[in-house]
Amino acid sequence: MKVFVTGGSGYIGRALLRVLAAQGDSVTALVRSQESAKVVAELGATPLVGELTDEALLREAAAAAEGVVHLALTGDERSGEVDRIAANALLEGVGGNPYVHTGGSWAYGDTDGAVAEDAPFAPPVVVGWRVPLEQQLLATTSQGKHPVIVRPGLVYGRSGGLPGFFLGEGLQAGAIGYLGDGNSSWSLVHVDDIAELYARALKAPAGTQYLGVTGVNVRTREVAEALSRAAGIPGQTRSVSVEELAQKLGLLADALFLDQQFATTRAQDELGWIPQHRDPLDDLAKGI
């Protein structure tokens, strides 16, 4: 399959390129620099230098592909507007072929127990723009388009992700932070598993939506305890307030303080996705 990927040199993107290369797919990856071009080339993809705001470039690259996976995000105050521009250009370009769009589990807000894909949305401000964009993209199925939404949980593994941030901060402070009283939950997913889901989503029916979660929900205190073992300071944990976290992560702090639990097997049932990492606390304790 000919696949065009944005964000191929990023955290999830690198894992996805490994999966697509192993499948024998022909991949072109959007990059912003020659350094990133080298990264994707080493992973078997053809780099295409450009910006997410270059609509003509995105349409042309998508039109040459049999499927598109959109992972890239600016990660700043422009995120919502730039994502809208890029998503619409990619969807227009790819025609009736699959367009896999990145959402996120934060769109559901505090879940008040375990929920699935059809739960109501209540996103924090930092990702509030995602829901209307996703709804607009999904509505294009009536026009013969083929959008698919993947909403990853909190991604970890391969020395990255937000758990890696807490490990790094904890090593400096001598204790690993957990959020508030430590009882709020995260739904963690390994980067290699979420990459496999994205690859399978290229074969999903038009208009489908998938949570990229394994159904394993862990408390942030448990995460901190696991990370403390990986750091060689077992049991050394401390409470972190939303105000303290916001000093370093801004509005992301509000999202991290969400209490989220998910119970869904839709991706497993419909796409045959079989996550290999089902014990995130053990992974984190081992430094994975």
Protein backbone atom coordinates (compact mmCIF):
# COMPACT_ATOMS: atom_id res chain seq x y z
CA MET A 1 0.00 0.00 0.00
CA LYS A 2 1.18 3.54 -0.75
CA VAL A 3 0.83 5.52 2.49
CA PHE A 4 1.42 9.19 3.22
CA VAL A 5 2.22 9.98 6.86
CA THR A 6 2.52 13.33 8.60
CA GLY A 7 4.57 13.40 11.78
CA GLY A 8 6.64 10.43 10.67
CA SER A 9 9.71 11.57 12.59
CA GLY A 10 7.70 12.05 15.80
CA TYR A 11 7.19 9.74 18.74
CA ILE A 12 4.28 7.69 17.40
CA GLY A 13 5.34 8.31 13.80
CA ARG A 14 8.66 6.50 14.15
CA ALA A 15 6.90 3.47 15.58
CA LEU A 16 4.33 3.56 12.77
CA LEU A 17 7.01 3.72 10.08
CA ARG A 18 8.56 0.58 11.56
CA VAL A 19 5.22 -1.22 11.34
CA LEU A 20 4.50 -0.09 7.77
CA ALA A 21 8.00 -1.00 6.63
CA ALA A 22 7.61 -4.48 8.12
CA GLN A 23 4.37 -4.87 6.14
CA GLY A 24 6.14 -3.91 2.93
CA ASP A 25 4.17 -0.69 2.46
CA SER A 26 5.62 2.20 0.43
CA VAL A 27 5.63 5.23 2.70
CA THR A 28 6.19 8.94 2.11
CA ALA A 29 6.55 11.00 5.28
CA LEU A 30 6.15 14.75 5.70
CA VAL A 31 9.08 16.36 7.53
CA ARG A 32 10.06 19.91 8.40
CA SER A 33 13.86 19.61 8.37
CA GLN A 34 16.73 17.71 6.83
CA GLU A 35 17.44 16.18 10.23
CA SER A 36 13.91 14.75 10.33
CA ALA A 37 14.29 13.65 6.71
CA LYS A 38 17.27 11.54 7.73
CA VAL A 39 15.27 9.95 10.56
CA VAL A 40 12.40 8.82 8.33
CA ALA A 41 14.74 7.69 5.56
CA GLU A 42 16.55 5.42 8.01
CA LEU A 43 13.15 3.92 8.87
CA GLY A 44 12.46 3.11 5.23
CA ALA A 45 10.26 6.05 4.23
CA THR A 46 10.71 8.68 1.54
CA PRO A 47 10.89 12.15 3.14
CA LEU A 48 8.88 15.07 1.80
CA VAL A 49 9.97 18.43 3.21
CA GLY A 50 7.09 20.81 3.89
CA GLU A 51 4.74 22.41 6.40
CA LEU A 52 1.31 21.47 7.69
CA THR A 53 0.00 24.77 6.35
CA ASP A 54 1.10 24.00 2.77
CA GLU A 55 -2.31 22.87 1.56
CA ALA A 56 -1.31 22.31 -2.06
CA LEU A 57 1.63 20.11 -1.05
CA LEU A 58 -0.54 18.06 1.31
CA ARG A 59 -3.29 17.57 -1.27
CA GLU A 60 -0.80 16.46 -3.90
CA ALA A 61 0.96 14.02 -1.57
CA ALA A 62 -2.35 12.60 -0.35
CA ALA A 63 -3.64 12.23 -3.90
CA ALA A 64 -0.60 10.11 -4.77
CA ALA A 65 -1.28 7.76 -1.84
CA GLU A 66 -3.71 4.92 -1.23
CA GLY A 67 -4.08 5.91 2.39
CA VAL A 68 -3.10 8.75 4.73
CA VAL A 69 -2.24 8.80 8.43
CA HIS A 70 -2.18 12.27 9.98
CA LEU A 71 -0.11 12.36 13.19
CA ALA A 72 1.65 15.73 13.10
CA LEU A 73 0.68 18.54 15.45
CA THR A 74 2.32 21.90 16.07
CA GLY A 75 1.85 21.56 19.83
CA ASP A 76 1.35 25.29 20.39
CA GLU A 77 -1.44 27.86 20.33
CA ARG A 78 -1.81 27.27 16.57
CA SER A 79 -2.56 23.54 16.96
CA GLY A 80 -6.29 23.69 16.36
CA GLU A 81 -6.23 25.94 13.31
CA VAL A 82 -3.26 24.24 11.69
CA ASP A 83 -4.76 20.80 12.30
CA ARG A 84 -7.99 21.92 10.63
CA ILE A 85 -6.10 23.21 7.58
CA ALA A 86 -3.98 20.08 7.26
CA ALA A 87 -6.81 17.61 7.88
CA ASN A 88 -9.09 19.12 5.25
CA ALA A 89 -6.30 19.32 2.66
CA LEU A 90 -5.32 15.69 3.28
CA LEU A 91 -8.90 14.44 3.20
CA GLU A 92 -9.60 16.31 -0.02
CA GLY A 93 -6.44 15.01 -1.62
CA VAL A 94 -6.83 11.33 -0.72
CA GLY A 95 -10.29 11.21 -2.31
CA GLY A 96 -12.23 8.09 -1.39
CA ASN A 97 -9.20 6.31 0.05
CA PRO A 98 -8.72 5.97 3.83
CA TYR A 99 -7.76 9.02 5.84
CA VAL A 100 -6.79 8.19 9.44
CA HIS A 101 -7.02 11.20 11.74
CA THR A 102 -5.51 11.54 15.20
CA GLY A 103 -7.83 12.45 18.02
CA GLY A 104 -7.19 11.74 21.68
CA SER A 105 -8.78 10.15 24.72
CA TRP A 106 -8.72 13.52 26.54
CA ALA A 107 -11.75 14.49 24.44
CA TYR A 108 -13.90 12.52 26.89
CA GLY A 109 -12.91 14.58 29.92
CA ASP A 110 -13.45 12.98 33.34
CA THR A 111 -15.16 9.70 32.52
CA ASP A 112 -16.82 8.91 35.87
CA GLY A 113 -16.09 5.21 35.55
CA ALA A 114 -15.09 3.11 32.56
CA VAL A 115 -16.54 4.18 29.21
CA ALA A 116 -16.21 3.32 25.50
CA GLU A 117 -16.09 5.22 22.20
CA ASP A 118 -19.71 6.35 22.31
CA ALA A 119 -19.39 8.21 25.64
CA PRO A 120 -20.16 11.96 25.58
CA PHE A 121 -17.32 14.41 24.99
CA ALA A 122 -16.16 16.91 27.60
CA PRO A 123 -12.67 18.00 26.50
CA PRO A 124 -10.45 20.33 28.50
CA VAL A 125 -9.58 23.66 26.91
CA VAL A 126 -6.22 22.50 25.56
CA VAL A 127 -7.89 20.03 23.17
CA GLY A 128 -11.35 21.59 22.90
CA TRP A 129 -10.91 22.15 19.17
CA ARG A 130 -10.57 18.43 18.44
CA VAL A 131 -14.22 17.43 18.79
CA PRO A 132 -15.79 19.83 16.24
CA LEU A 133 -13.02 19.03 13.75
CA GLU A 134 -13.54 15.29 14.13
CA GLN A 135 -17.30 15.69 13.72
CA GLN A 136 -16.77 17.72 10.56
CA LEU A 137 -14.40 15.08 9.15
CA LEU A 138 -16.73 12.20 9.97
CA ALA A 139 -19.62 13.99 8.26
CA THR A 140 -17.79 13.75 4.93
CA THR A 141 -18.63 10.04 4.68
CA SER A 142 -21.88 11.17 3.04
CA GLN A 143 -19.71 12.75 0.32
CA GLY A 144 -17.85 9.53 -0.41
CA LYS A 145 -14.88 10.29 1.82
CA HIS A 146 -13.24 7.69 4.07
CA PRO A 147 -12.32 9.26 7.43
CA VAL A 148 -11.30 7.11 10.40
CA ILE A 149 -10.58 8.53 13.86
CA VAL A 150 -8.03 7.03 16.28
CA ARG A 151 -8.01 8.41 19.83
CA PRO A 152 -4.90 7.19 21.65
CA GLY A 153 -4.73 6.92 25.41
CA LEU A 154 -1.64 8.16 27.23
CA VAL A 155 1.27 6.79 25.21
CA TYR A 156 4.45 5.42 26.79
CA GLY A 157 7.44 3.27 25.83
CA ARG A 158 10.72 3.61 23.93
CA SER A 159 11.98 6.30 26.35
CA GLY A 160 9.21 8.73 25.47
CA GLY A 161 5.74 9.91 26.32
CA LEU A 162 4.49 11.82 29.34
CA PRO A 163 5.46 9.08 31.83
CA GLY A 164 9.01 9.70 30.62
CA PHE A 165 8.56 13.37 31.55
CA PHE A 166 7.57 12.42 35.10
CA LEU A 167 10.54 10.08 35.34
CA GLY A 168 12.92 12.82 34.28
CA GLU A 169 11.39 15.34 36.66
CA GLY A 170 11.47 12.83 39.49
CA LEU A 171 15.11 11.99 38.97
CA GLN A 172 15.95 15.67 39.44
CA ALA A 173 13.71 16.05 42.50
CA GLY A 174 14.62 12.73 44.16
CA ALA A 175 10.98 11.61 44.16
CA ILE A 176 8.53 10.75 41.38
CA GLY A 177 5.42 12.89 41.21
CA TYR A 178 1.84 11.67 41.20
CA LEU A 179 -1.19 13.88 40.65
CA GLY A 180 -3.09 15.25 43.63
CA ASP A 181 -4.07 12.39 45.94
CA GLY A 182 -2.87 9.89 43.33
CA ASN A 183 -6.25 8.23 42.86
CA SER A 184 -7.12 9.59 39.42
CA SER A 185 -6.63 7.12 36.57
CA TRP A 186 -4.75 7.11 33.30
CA SER A 187 -5.28 4.70 30.41
CA LEU A 188 -1.79 3.88 29.15
CA VAL A 189 -0.91 2.36 25.77
CA HIS A 190 2.53 1.38 24.50
CA VAL A 191 3.78 3.30 21.49
CA ASP A 192 4.39 0.10 19.50
CA ASP A 193 0.81 -1.05 20.14
CA ILE A 194 -0.75 2.26 19.13
CA ALA A 195 1.37 2.24 15.97
CA GLU A 196 -0.05 -1.17 15.10
CA LEU A 197 -3.55 0.21 15.58
CA TYR A 198 -2.89 3.09 13.19
CA ALA A 199 -1.66 0.65 10.56
CA ARG A 200 -4.80 -1.45 10.95
CA ALA A 201 -7.01 1.65 10.87
CA LEU A 202 -6.00 2.08 7.22
CA LYS A 203 -8.24 -0.94 6.57
CA ALA A 204 -11.13 0.26 8.76
CA PRO A 205 -14.58 1.12 7.38
CA ALA A 206 -15.34 4.75 6.61
CA GLY A 207 -16.65 6.80 9.50
CA THR A 208 -15.39 4.51 12.26
CA GLN A 209 -13.84 5.70 15.52
CA TYR A 210 -11.45 3.79 17.77
CA LEU A 211 -10.04 4.38 21.22
CA GLY A 212 -6.38 3.38 21.31
CA VAL A 213 -6.50 1.86 24.77
CA THR A 214 -5.96 -1.63 26.17
CA GLY A 215 -8.64 -1.48 28.87
CA VAL A 216 -6.00 -1.36 31.60
CA ASN A 217 -6.48 1.73 33.76
CA VAL A 218 -3.92 2.65 36.40
CA ARG A 219 -3.84 5.27 39.14
CA THR A 220 -1.22 7.98 38.91
CA ARG A 221 0.14 6.98 42.32
CA GLU A 222 0.76 3.48 40.93
CA VAL A 223 2.54 5.00 37.93
CA ALA A 224 4.78 7.04 40.24
CA GLU A 225 5.60 3.98 42.33
CA ALA A 226 6.51 1.99 39.20
CA LEU A 227 8.67 4.82 37.88
CA SER A 228 10.41 5.13 41.24
CA ARG A 229 11.56 1.52 40.91
CA ALA A 230 12.85 2.18 37.40
CA ALA A 231 14.71 5.24 38.72
CA GLY A 232 16.40 3.27 41.49
CA ILE A 233 14.58 5.20 44.23
CA PRO A 234 11.79 2.74 45.08
CA GLY A 235 8.96 4.21 47.09
CA GLN A 236 10.19 7.77 46.75
CA THR A 237 7.07 9.55 45.47
CA ARG A 238 5.36 12.87 46.13
CA SER A 239 2.11 14.65 45.39
CA VAL A 240 2.11 17.28 42.62
CA SER A 241 -0.62 19.92 42.43
CA VAL A 242 -2.19 21.07 39.19
CA GLU A 243 -0.71 24.52 39.81
CA GLU A 244 2.82 23.13 40.13
CA LEU A 245 2.44 21.00 37.02
CA ALA A 246 1.00 23.93 35.05
CA GLN A 247 4.20 25.90 35.65
CA LYS A 248 5.99 23.41 33.39
CA LEU A 249 3.26 22.05 31.11
CA GLY A 250 0.77 24.90 30.90
CA LEU A 251 -2.77 23.85 29.96
CA LEU A 252 -1.62 20.24 29.51
CA ALA A 253 -1.70 19.99 33.31
CA ASP A 254 -5.51 20.18 33.30
CA ALA A 255 -5.67 17.31 30.83
CA LEU A 256 -3.27 15.16 32.83
CA PHE A 257 -5.39 15.66 35.95
CA LEU A 258 -8.42 14.12 34.22
CA ASP A 259 -9.68 10.90 35.81
CA GLN A 260 -10.12 8.60 32.83
CA GLN A 261 -11.03 4.92 32.58
CA PHE A 262 -11.92 3.09 29.40
CA ALA A 263 -13.44 -0.32 28.73
CA THR A 264 -13.68 -1.06 25.03
CA THR A 265 -12.60 -3.81 22.66
CA ARG A 266 -13.91 -2.20 19.47
CA ALA A 267 -10.49 -2.01 17.81
CA GLN A 268 -9.74 -5.57 18.83
CA ASP A 269 -13.11 -6.89 17.68
CA GLU A 270 -13.32 -4.99 14.38
CA LEU A 271 -9.67 -4.67 13.34
CA GLY A 272 -8.04 -7.66 15.03
CA TRP A 273 -5.77 -5.35 17.03
CA ILE A 274 -3.98 -7.33 19.74
CA PRO A 275 -1.96 -5.09 22.10
CA GLN A 276 1.20 -6.81 23.26
CA HIS A 277 1.82 -4.60 26.29
CA ARG A 278 -0.96 -5.21 28.80
CA ASP A 279 0.91 -4.54 32.04
CA PRO A 280 2.04 -0.91 31.81
CA LEU A 281 3.08 -0.74 35.46
CA ASP A 282 5.45 -3.65 35.00
CA ASP A 283 6.80 -2.04 31.82
CA LEU A 284 7.38 1.28 33.57
CA ALA A 285 9.03 -0.36 36.56
CA LYS A 286 11.46 -2.08 34.18
CA GLY A 287 12.24 1.19 32.45
CA ILE A 288 10.49 0.27 29.19
